[in-house]
Amino acid sequence: MYYEMRLPRNTKEGLLFMLIVSIISVNTIAPLIMGYEFGFNKENYLKTLRVIPIMWIIVLCLVNLVARPLVGKLMAKFTKPTDSFNAKTLFNIFFSVTILSICLTVIGSWVGQRQFSLDPIREFFYHWPKNFFIAFWIETLLAQPIARFVIKRLHARQAAKAAVENVEA
């Protein structure tokens, strides 16, 4: 059976992949969105750093409880087994970022403001396109490629180790 070298093959690798993507995403997307919203300065960046741990937990929960099930259904409808790895990856990123950016445009505002209000919902269509755009390109060009590179290197090391063990046996 052929295994894709760039994707996790088990739970441990899946957790590593998700950790890499989520840490890169939360630490780049949140500061960029806050910077565009309130200005790129040290004070705003430090405010963002204070909410990043909370947002990271929220992102992990949303990925596992909301995005992953919905993306799985969407992928089944929009892709075929014969589609290329890159096509499937792009669809996966697009669907994941769409779902998460919709949720986090509202939830992120509540966490950042430390209060529940209707403002993020009222202003949703003003903020969401910018949030989606930032998140989509960070995921597509930075977070996911780095995570896939790490997983590919891990699999290459495992294959080399297995080859050495087979030669010695």
N, C-alpha and C. Protein backbone atom coordinates (compact mmCIF):
# COMPACT_ATOMS: atom_id res chain seq x y z
N MET A 1 0.84 -1.19 0.00
CA MET A 1 0.00 0.00 0.00
C MET A 1 0.88 1.25 0.00
N TYR A 2 0.51 2.23 -0.79
CA TYR A 2 1.27 3.47 -0.89
C TYR A 2 0.83 4.43 0.20
N TYR A 3 1.80 4.99 0.90
CA TYR A 3 1.51 6.00 1.92
C TYR A 3 2.07 7.33 1.45
N GLU A 4 1.30 8.37 1.63
CA GLU A 4 1.76 9.71 1.30
C GLU A 4 2.79 10.12 2.34
N MET A 5 3.99 10.43 1.89
CA MET A 5 5.10 10.76 2.80
C MET A 5 4.88 12.07 3.55
N ARG A 6 4.03 12.96 3.02
CA ARG A 6 3.85 14.29 3.60
C ARG A 6 2.72 14.38 4.62
N LEU A 7 2.01 13.26 4.83
CA LEU A 7 0.87 13.29 5.74
C LEU A 7 1.06 12.31 6.89
N PRO A 8 0.48 12.62 8.04
CA PRO A 8 0.58 11.72 9.21
C PRO A 8 -0.03 10.35 8.91
N ARG A 9 0.56 9.32 9.50
CA ARG A 9 0.08 7.95 9.30
C ARG A 9 -0.54 7.37 10.55
N ASN A 10 -0.35 8.02 11.69
CA ASN A 10 -0.91 7.50 12.93
C ASN A 10 -1.27 8.67 13.86
N THR A 11 -1.82 8.36 15.01
CA THR A 11 -2.29 9.39 15.94
C THR A 11 -1.15 10.28 16.41
N LYS A 12 -0.01 9.68 16.73
CA LYS A 12 1.14 10.46 17.22
C LYS A 12 1.61 11.46 16.16
N GLU A 13 1.72 11.01 14.93
CA GLU A 13 2.12 11.91 13.84
C GLU A 13 1.03 12.95 13.58
N GLY A 14 -0.23 12.55 13.70
CA GLY A 14 -1.34 13.49 13.53
C GLY A 14 -1.29 14.60 14.55
N LEU A 15 -0.97 14.24 15.79
CA LEU A 15 -0.84 15.26 16.85
C LEU A 15 0.33 16.19 16.56
N LEU A 16 1.44 15.63 16.11
CA LEU A 16 2.60 16.46 15.76
C LEU A 16 2.24 17.43 14.63
N PHE A 17 1.59 16.92 13.59
CA PHE A 17 1.18 17.75 12.46
C PHE A 17 0.26 18.88 12.93
N MET A 18 -0.75 18.52 13.73
CA MET A 18 -1.71 19.52 14.22
C MET A 18 -1.02 20.54 15.13
N LEU A 19 -0.09 20.10 15.97
CA LEU A 19 0.65 21.03 16.83
C LEU A 19 1.43 22.04 16.00
N ILE A 20 2.14 21.56 15.00
CA ILE A 20 2.95 22.45 14.17
C ILE A 20 2.05 23.47 13.47
N VAL A 21 1.00 22.99 12.81
CA VAL A 21 0.11 23.89 12.08
C VAL A 21 -0.55 24.89 13.01
N SER A 22 -1.05 24.41 14.15
CA SER A 22 -1.77 25.31 15.06
C SER A 22 -0.85 26.34 15.71
N ILE A 23 0.35 25.94 16.08
CA ILE A 23 1.27 26.89 16.71
C ILE A 23 1.68 27.97 15.71
N ILE A 24 2.02 27.57 14.50
CA ILE A 24 2.40 28.56 13.47
C ILE A 24 1.20 29.46 13.17
N SER A 25 0.05 28.86 12.98
CA SER A 25 -1.15 29.64 12.61
C SER A 25 -1.53 30.65 13.68
N VAL A 26 -1.65 30.20 14.90
CA VAL A 26 -2.09 31.09 15.98
C VAL A 26 -1.07 32.20 16.21
N ASN A 27 0.21 31.88 16.08
CA ASN A 27 1.24 32.89 16.34
C ASN A 27 1.50 33.84 15.17
N THR A 28 0.91 33.57 14.02
CA THR A 28 1.05 34.51 12.90
C THR A 28 -0.28 35.16 12.54
N ILE A 29 -1.34 34.37 12.47
CA ILE A 29 -2.63 34.91 12.05
C ILE A 29 -3.17 35.92 13.05
N ALA A 30 -3.19 35.56 14.33
CA ALA A 30 -3.73 36.49 15.35
C ALA A 30 -2.98 37.82 15.38
N PRO A 31 -1.64 37.83 15.43
CA PRO A 31 -0.95 39.13 15.42
C PRO A 31 -1.20 39.94 14.14
N LEU A 32 -1.28 39.27 12.99
CA LEU A 32 -1.54 40.00 11.75
C LEU A 32 -2.94 40.62 11.75
N ILE A 33 -3.92 39.86 12.16
CA ILE A 33 -5.29 40.38 12.20
C ILE A 33 -5.39 41.54 13.19
N MET A 34 -4.80 41.37 14.36
CA MET A 34 -4.82 42.45 15.36
C MET A 34 -4.05 43.66 14.86
N GLY A 35 -2.94 43.45 14.18
CA GLY A 35 -2.16 44.55 13.64
C GLY A 35 -2.94 45.35 12.61
N TYR A 36 -3.60 44.64 11.70
CA TYR A 36 -4.40 45.35 10.69
C TYR A 36 -5.60 46.07 11.32
N GLU A 37 -6.12 45.49 12.39
CA GLU A 37 -7.30 46.08 13.03
C GLU A 37 -6.95 47.29 13.90
N PHE A 38 -5.88 47.15 14.70
CA PHE A 38 -5.58 48.17 15.71
C PHE A 38 -4.22 48.85 15.53
N GLY A 39 -3.48 48.44 14.52
CA GLY A 39 -2.18 49.04 14.28
C GLY A 39 -1.04 48.11 14.67
N PHE A 40 0.03 48.18 13.91
CA PHE A 40 1.20 47.36 14.17
C PHE A 40 2.12 48.11 15.12
N ASN A 41 1.97 47.81 16.40
CA ASN A 41 2.86 48.41 17.38
C ASN A 41 3.09 47.42 18.53
N LYS A 42 4.04 47.74 19.37
CA LYS A 42 4.43 46.83 20.45
C LYS A 42 3.28 46.57 21.42
N GLU A 43 2.54 47.59 21.77
CA GLU A 43 1.44 47.46 22.72
C GLU A 43 0.37 46.48 22.21
N ASN A 44 -0.01 46.62 20.95
CA ASN A 44 -1.02 45.72 20.38
C ASN A 44 -0.48 44.29 20.27
N TYR A 45 0.79 44.17 19.93
CA TYR A 45 1.39 42.84 19.84
C TYR A 45 1.40 42.15 21.20
N LEU A 46 1.75 42.89 22.26
CA LEU A 46 1.77 42.31 23.60
C LEU A 46 0.36 41.92 24.07
N LYS A 47 -0.64 42.73 23.69
CA LYS A 47 -2.03 42.36 23.99
C LYS A 47 -2.40 41.05 23.29
N THR A 48 -1.96 40.93 22.07
CA THR A 48 -2.24 39.71 21.31
C THR A 48 -1.57 38.50 21.95
N LEU A 49 -0.36 38.66 22.40
CA LEU A 49 0.35 37.54 23.04
C LEU A 49 -0.37 37.02 24.27
N ARG A 50 -1.07 37.90 24.96
CA ARG A 50 -1.80 37.47 26.17
C ARG A 50 -2.97 36.56 25.86
N VAL A 51 -3.60 36.73 24.70
CA VAL A 51 -4.75 35.89 24.37
C VAL A 51 -4.39 34.68 23.51
N ILE A 52 -3.18 34.62 23.01
CA ILE A 52 -2.79 33.50 22.15
C ILE A 52 -2.96 32.14 22.83
N PRO A 53 -2.57 31.93 24.09
CA PRO A 53 -2.79 30.61 24.68
C PRO A 53 -4.27 30.19 24.71
N ILE A 54 -5.13 31.13 25.01
CA ILE A 54 -6.57 30.83 25.03
C ILE A 54 -7.04 30.53 23.61
N MET A 55 -6.62 31.35 22.66
CA MET A 55 -7.03 31.14 21.28
C MET A 55 -6.50 29.81 20.74
N TRP A 56 -5.31 29.42 21.15
CA TRP A 56 -4.74 28.15 20.69
C TRP A 56 -5.62 26.98 21.13
N ILE A 57 -6.06 27.01 22.37
CA ILE A 57 -6.95 25.95 22.88
C ILE A 57 -8.27 25.96 22.12
N ILE A 58 -8.82 27.15 21.90
CA ILE A 58 -10.08 27.27 21.16
C ILE A 58 -9.92 26.74 19.73
N VAL A 59 -8.82 27.09 19.09
CA VAL A 59 -8.57 26.62 17.72
C VAL A 59 -8.49 25.10 17.69
N LEU A 60 -7.76 24.49 18.61
CA LEU A 60 -7.65 23.03 18.64
C LEU A 60 -9.02 22.38 18.83
N CYS A 61 -9.82 22.94 19.72
CA CYS A 61 -11.17 22.40 19.94
C CYS A 61 -12.03 22.55 18.69
N LEU A 62 -11.99 23.72 18.06
CA LEU A 62 -12.79 23.94 16.85
C LEU A 62 -12.34 23.03 15.71
N VAL A 63 -11.05 22.85 15.57
CA VAL A 63 -10.54 21.97 14.51
C VAL A 63 -11.10 20.56 14.70
N ASN A 64 -10.99 20.04 15.91
CA ASN A 64 -11.39 18.65 16.16
C ASN A 64 -12.90 18.45 16.23
N LEU A 65 -13.62 19.40 16.78
CA LEU A 65 -15.05 19.21 17.01
C LEU A 65 -15.94 19.77 15.90
N VAL A 66 -15.46 20.78 15.18
CA VAL A 66 -16.29 21.43 14.17
C VAL A 66 -15.71 21.25 12.76
N ALA A 67 -14.49 21.73 12.56
CA ALA A 67 -13.93 21.76 11.21
C ALA A 67 -13.68 20.37 10.63
N ARG A 68 -13.02 19.50 11.36
CA ARG A 68 -12.67 18.19 10.81
C ARG A 68 -13.90 17.42 10.32
N PRO A 69 -14.97 17.32 11.11
CA PRO A 69 -16.15 16.59 10.59
C PRO A 69 -16.77 17.25 9.35
N LEU A 70 -16.88 18.59 9.36
CA LEU A 70 -17.47 19.28 8.21
C LEU A 70 -16.57 19.19 6.98
N VAL A 71 -15.28 19.35 7.18
CA VAL A 71 -14.34 19.28 6.05
C VAL A 71 -14.36 17.88 5.44
N GLY A 72 -14.45 16.86 6.27
CA GLY A 72 -14.54 15.49 5.76
C GLY A 72 -15.73 15.31 4.83
N LYS A 73 -16.87 15.84 5.22
CA LYS A 73 -18.06 15.74 4.37
C LYS A 73 -17.90 16.55 3.08
N LEU A 74 -17.34 17.75 3.19
CA LEU A 74 -17.14 18.58 2.01
C LEU A 74 -16.12 17.96 1.06
N MET A 75 -15.06 17.39 1.60
CA MET A 75 -14.04 16.76 0.77
C MET A 75 -14.64 15.59 -0.02
N ALA A 76 -15.52 14.83 0.62
CA ALA A 76 -16.16 13.70 -0.07
C ALA A 76 -17.02 14.18 -1.24
N LYS A 77 -17.63 15.35 -1.10
CA LYS A 77 -18.48 15.89 -2.16
C LYS A 77 -17.70 16.55 -3.29
N PHE A 78 -16.57 17.18 -2.97
CA PHE A 78 -15.87 18.00 -3.95
C PHE A 78 -14.60 17.38 -4.52
N THR A 79 -14.15 16.27 -3.98
CA THR A 79 -12.95 15.64 -4.52
C THR A 79 -13.23 14.19 -4.87
N LYS A 80 -12.37 13.65 -5.71
CA LYS A 80 -12.46 12.25 -6.11
C LYS A 80 -11.16 11.56 -5.72
N PRO A 81 -11.19 10.25 -5.55
CA PRO A 81 -9.95 9.53 -5.21
C PRO A 81 -8.83 9.74 -6.24
N THR A 82 -9.20 10.06 -7.47
CA THR A 82 -8.19 10.25 -8.51
C THR A 82 -7.60 11.65 -8.53
N ASP A 83 -8.14 12.57 -7.72
CA ASP A 83 -7.60 13.94 -7.67
C ASP A 83 -6.19 13.92 -7.09
N SER A 84 -5.39 14.88 -7.51
CA SER A 84 -4.00 14.94 -7.06
C SER A 84 -3.90 15.32 -5.59
N PHE A 85 -2.75 15.04 -5.03
CA PHE A 85 -2.48 15.41 -3.63
C PHE A 85 -2.63 16.91 -3.45
N ASN A 86 -2.08 17.69 -4.39
CA ASN A 86 -2.14 19.14 -4.27
C ASN A 86 -3.57 19.66 -4.35
N ALA A 87 -4.39 19.09 -5.22
CA ALA A 87 -5.79 19.50 -5.32
C ALA A 87 -6.52 19.21 -4.02
N LYS A 88 -6.34 18.02 -3.50
CA LYS A 88 -7.00 17.65 -2.24
C LYS A 88 -6.52 18.52 -1.09
N THR A 89 -5.22 18.81 -1.06
CA THR A 89 -4.66 19.65 0.00
C THR A 89 -5.24 21.06 -0.07
N LEU A 90 -5.33 21.61 -1.26
CA LEU A 90 -5.87 22.96 -1.42
C LEU A 90 -7.34 23.02 -1.02
N PHE A 91 -8.12 22.04 -1.43
CA PHE A 91 -9.53 21.99 -1.00
C PHE A 91 -9.63 21.87 0.52
N ASN A 92 -8.79 21.01 1.09
CA ASN A 92 -8.81 20.84 2.54
C ASN A 92 -8.50 22.15 3.26
N ILE A 93 -7.48 22.84 2.82
CA ILE A 93 -7.11 24.12 3.42
C ILE A 93 -8.24 25.12 3.24
N PHE A 94 -8.79 25.21 2.02
CA PHE A 94 -9.87 26.16 1.75
C PHE A 94 -11.07 25.92 2.67
N PHE A 95 -11.52 24.67 2.76
CA PHE A 95 -12.68 24.36 3.60
C PHE A 95 -12.37 24.59 5.07
N SER A 96 -11.20 24.16 5.52
CA SER A 96 -10.83 24.33 6.93
C SER A 96 -10.76 25.80 7.31
N VAL A 97 -10.08 26.59 6.48
CA VAL A 97 -9.93 28.02 6.77
C VAL A 97 -11.28 28.72 6.71
N THR A 98 -12.13 28.35 5.78
CA THR A 98 -13.46 28.96 5.69
C THR A 98 -14.23 28.73 6.98
N ILE A 99 -14.30 27.49 7.41
CA ILE A 99 -15.06 27.14 8.62
C ILE A 99 -14.45 27.81 9.85
N LEU A 100 -13.14 27.68 10.02
CA LEU A 100 -12.49 28.24 11.20
C LEU A 100 -12.53 29.77 11.21
N SER A 101 -12.35 30.39 10.06
CA SER A 101 -12.37 31.86 10.03
C SER A 101 -13.76 32.40 10.33
N ILE A 102 -14.79 31.69 9.91
CA ILE A 102 -16.16 32.11 10.25
C ILE A 102 -16.35 32.07 11.76
N CYS A 103 -15.98 30.95 12.37
CA CYS A 103 -16.12 30.81 13.83
C CYS A 103 -15.24 31.79 14.59
N LEU A 104 -13.98 31.90 14.18
CA LEU A 104 -13.03 32.69 14.94
C LEU A 104 -13.17 34.19 14.73
N THR A 105 -13.82 34.61 13.65
CA THR A 105 -14.09 36.03 13.48
C THR A 105 -14.96 36.53 14.63
N VAL A 106 -15.89 35.70 15.07
CA VAL A 106 -16.77 36.07 16.19
C VAL A 106 -16.12 35.72 17.52
N ILE A 107 -15.68 34.47 17.67
CA ILE A 107 -15.12 34.01 18.95
C ILE A 107 -13.84 34.77 19.30
N GLY A 108 -12.98 35.00 18.30
CA GLY A 108 -11.74 35.74 18.53
C GLY A 108 -12.00 37.14 19.05
N SER A 109 -13.03 37.79 18.52
CA SER A 109 -13.39 39.13 19.00
C SER A 109 -13.84 39.07 20.46
N TRP A 110 -14.64 38.08 20.78
CA TRP A 110 -15.11 37.94 22.16
C TRP A 110 -13.94 37.70 23.12
N VAL A 111 -13.01 36.84 22.72
CA VAL A 111 -11.86 36.55 23.57
C VAL A 111 -10.97 37.79 23.69
N GLY A 112 -10.71 38.45 22.58
CA GLY A 112 -9.85 39.64 22.59
C GLY A 112 -10.44 40.78 23.40
N GLN A 113 -11.75 40.97 23.32
CA GLN A 113 -12.42 42.04 24.06
C GLN A 113 -12.78 41.63 25.48
N ARG A 114 -12.66 40.34 25.76
CA ARG A 114 -13.02 39.77 27.07
C ARG A 114 -14.47 40.07 27.44
N GLN A 115 -15.33 40.03 26.45
CA GLN A 115 -16.76 40.22 26.70
C GLN A 115 -17.56 39.71 25.51
N PHE A 116 -18.77 39.27 25.80
CA PHE A 116 -19.68 38.85 24.75
C PHE A 116 -20.50 40.06 24.32
N SER A 117 -20.53 40.30 23.02
CA SER A 117 -21.36 41.37 22.49
C SER A 117 -21.82 40.97 21.09
N LEU A 118 -22.75 41.69 20.57
CA LEU A 118 -23.23 41.42 19.22
C LEU A 118 -22.39 42.12 18.15
N ASP A 119 -21.45 42.95 18.56
CA ASP A 119 -20.62 43.69 17.60
C ASP A 119 -19.91 42.80 16.59
N PRO A 120 -19.27 41.70 17.02
CA PRO A 120 -18.60 40.85 16.02
C PRO A 120 -19.58 40.25 15.00
N ILE A 121 -20.80 40.01 15.43
CA ILE A 121 -21.80 39.47 14.50
C ILE A 121 -22.29 40.57 13.56
N ARG A 122 -22.54 41.75 14.10
CA ARG A 122 -22.98 42.89 13.28
C ARG A 122 -21.93 43.28 12.25
N GLU A 123 -20.67 43.22 12.65
CA GLU A 123 -19.58 43.65 11.78
C GLU A 123 -18.91 42.48 11.06
N PHE A 124 -19.56 41.33 11.07
CA PHE A 124 -18.98 40.10 10.53
C PHE A 124 -18.50 40.26 9.09
N PHE A 125 -19.35 40.77 8.21
CA PHE A 125 -19.00 40.84 6.79
C PHE A 125 -17.96 41.91 6.49
N TYR A 126 -17.68 42.74 7.44
CA TYR A 126 -16.58 43.71 7.31
C TYR A 126 -15.26 43.04 7.67
N HIS A 127 -15.25 42.23 8.72
CA HIS A 127 -14.02 41.63 9.24
C HIS A 127 -13.68 40.27 8.63
N TRP A 128 -14.70 39.46 8.34
CA TRP A 128 -14.42 38.09 7.92
C TRP A 128 -13.58 37.98 6.65
N PRO A 129 -13.86 38.73 5.58
CA PRO A 129 -13.03 38.55 4.37
C PRO A 129 -11.54 38.78 4.62
N LYS A 130 -11.21 39.78 5.42
CA LYS A 130 -9.80 40.05 5.74
C LYS A 130 -9.23 38.89 6.56
N ASN A 131 -9.98 38.42 7.55
CA ASN A 131 -9.51 37.31 8.38
C ASN A 131 -9.31 36.05 7.54
N PHE A 132 -10.26 35.77 6.65
CA PHE A 132 -10.14 34.60 5.78
C PHE A 132 -8.90 34.71 4.91
N PHE A 133 -8.71 35.86 4.29
CA PHE A 133 -7.58 36.07 3.39
C PHE A 133 -6.25 35.84 4.12
N ILE A 134 -6.10 36.43 5.28
CA ILE A 134 -4.86 36.27 6.05
C ILE A 134 -4.66 34.80 6.42
N ALA A 135 -5.69 34.17 6.96
CA ALA A 135 -5.57 32.78 7.41
C ALA A 135 -5.30 31.83 6.23
N PHE A 136 -5.99 32.05 5.12
CA PHE A 136 -5.81 31.16 3.97
C PHE A 136 -4.36 31.17 3.48
N TRP A 137 -3.77 32.35 3.36
CA TRP A 137 -2.41 32.42 2.83
C TRP A 137 -1.38 31.96 3.85
N ILE A 138 -1.60 32.20 5.12
CA ILE A 138 -0.68 31.67 6.15
C ILE A 138 -0.71 30.15 6.13
N GLU A 139 -1.91 29.57 6.05
CA GLU A 139 -2.04 28.11 6.01
C GLU A 139 -1.42 27.54 4.73
N THR A 140 -1.71 28.17 3.61
CA THR A 140 -1.28 27.65 2.31
C THR A 140 0.23 27.78 2.09
N LEU A 141 0.80 28.91 2.51
CA LEU A 141 2.20 29.17 2.19
C LEU A 141 3.18 28.94 3.34
N LEU A 142 2.68 28.83 4.57
CA LEU A 142 3.59 28.74 5.71
C LEU A 142 3.30 27.52 6.60
N ALA A 143 2.18 27.52 7.28
CA ALA A 143 1.91 26.51 8.31
C ALA A 143 1.86 25.09 7.75
N GLN A 144 1.03 24.86 6.75
CA GLN A 144 0.88 23.50 6.23
C GLN A 144 2.14 23.00 5.52
N PRO A 145 2.80 23.82 4.69
CA PRO A 145 4.03 23.32 4.08
C PRO A 145 5.11 22.96 5.10
N ILE A 146 5.24 23.73 6.16
CA ILE A 146 6.23 23.41 7.18
C ILE A 146 5.87 22.10 7.87
N ALA A 147 4.60 21.93 8.22
CA ALA A 147 4.17 20.69 8.89
C ALA A 147 4.37 19.48 7.97
N ARG A 148 4.03 19.62 6.70
CA ARG A 148 4.22 18.50 5.76
C ARG A 148 5.71 18.19 5.57
N PHE A 149 6.56 19.22 5.58
CA PHE A 149 8.00 19.00 5.47
C PHE A 149 8.52 18.21 6.67
N VAL A 150 8.07 18.58 7.86
CA VAL A 150 8.51 17.87 9.08
C VAL A 150 8.06 16.41 9.03
N ILE A 151 6.82 16.17 8.64
CA ILE A 151 6.31 14.81 8.56
C ILE A 151 7.06 14.01 7.49
N LYS A 152 7.34 14.63 6.37
CA LYS A 152 8.09 13.96 5.30
C LYS A 152 9.49 13.56 5.78
N ARG A 153 10.14 14.48 6.50
CA ARG A 153 11.48 14.18 7.05
C ARG A 153 11.40 13.04 8.07
N LEU A 154 10.37 13.06 8.91
CA LEU A 154 10.17 12.00 9.89
C LEU A 154 10.01 10.65 9.19
N HIS A 155 9.19 10.61 8.14
CA HIS A 155 8.99 9.36 7.40
C HIS A 155 10.26 8.91 6.68
N ALA A 156 11.03 9.85 6.19
CA ALA A 156 12.29 9.50 5.52
C ALA A 156 13.26 8.86 6.52
N ARG A 157 13.32 9.43 7.72
CA ARG A 157 14.18 8.84 8.77
C ARG A 157 13.70 7.45 9.15
N GLN A 158 12.38 7.28 9.27
CA GLN A 158 11.83 5.97 9.61
C GLN A 158 12.15 4.94 8.52
N ALA A 159 12.04 5.36 7.27
CA ALA A 159 12.33 4.46 6.15
C ALA A 159 13.81 4.09 6.13
N ALA A 160 14.67 5.06 6.39
CA ALA A 160 16.12 4.79 6.41
C ALA A 160 16.46 3.84 7.55
N LYS A 161 15.85 4.05 8.69
CA LYS A 161 16.08 3.18 9.85
C LYS A 161 15.60 1.76 9.55
N ALA A 162 14.43 1.64 8.93
CA ALA A 162 13.89 0.33 8.58
C ALA A 162 14.78 -0.37 7.57
N ALA A 163 15.32 0.37 6.62
CA ALA A 163 16.21 -0.20 5.61
C ALA A 163 17.48 -0.74 6.24
N VAL A 164 18.03 0.00 7.20
CA VAL A 164 19.24 -0.44 7.90
C VAL A 164 18.94 -1.69 8.71
N GLU A 165 17.81 -1.74 9.36
CA GLU A 165 17.42 -2.90 10.15
C GLU A 165 17.21 -4.12 9.27
N ASN A 166 16.66 -3.92 8.07
CA ASN A 166 16.45 -5.05 7.13
C ASN A 166 17.78 -5.58 6.61
N VAL A 167 18.73 -4.70 6.38
CA VAL A 167 20.05 -5.12 5.89
C VAL A 167 20.77 -5.90 6.98
N GLU A 168 20.64 -5.45 8.23
CA GLU A 168 21.32 -6.11 9.36
C GLU A 168 20.70 -7.46 9.68
N ALA A 169 19.44 -7.64 9.34
CA ALA A 169 18.74 -8.90 9.68
C ALA A 169 19.01 -9.98 8.72
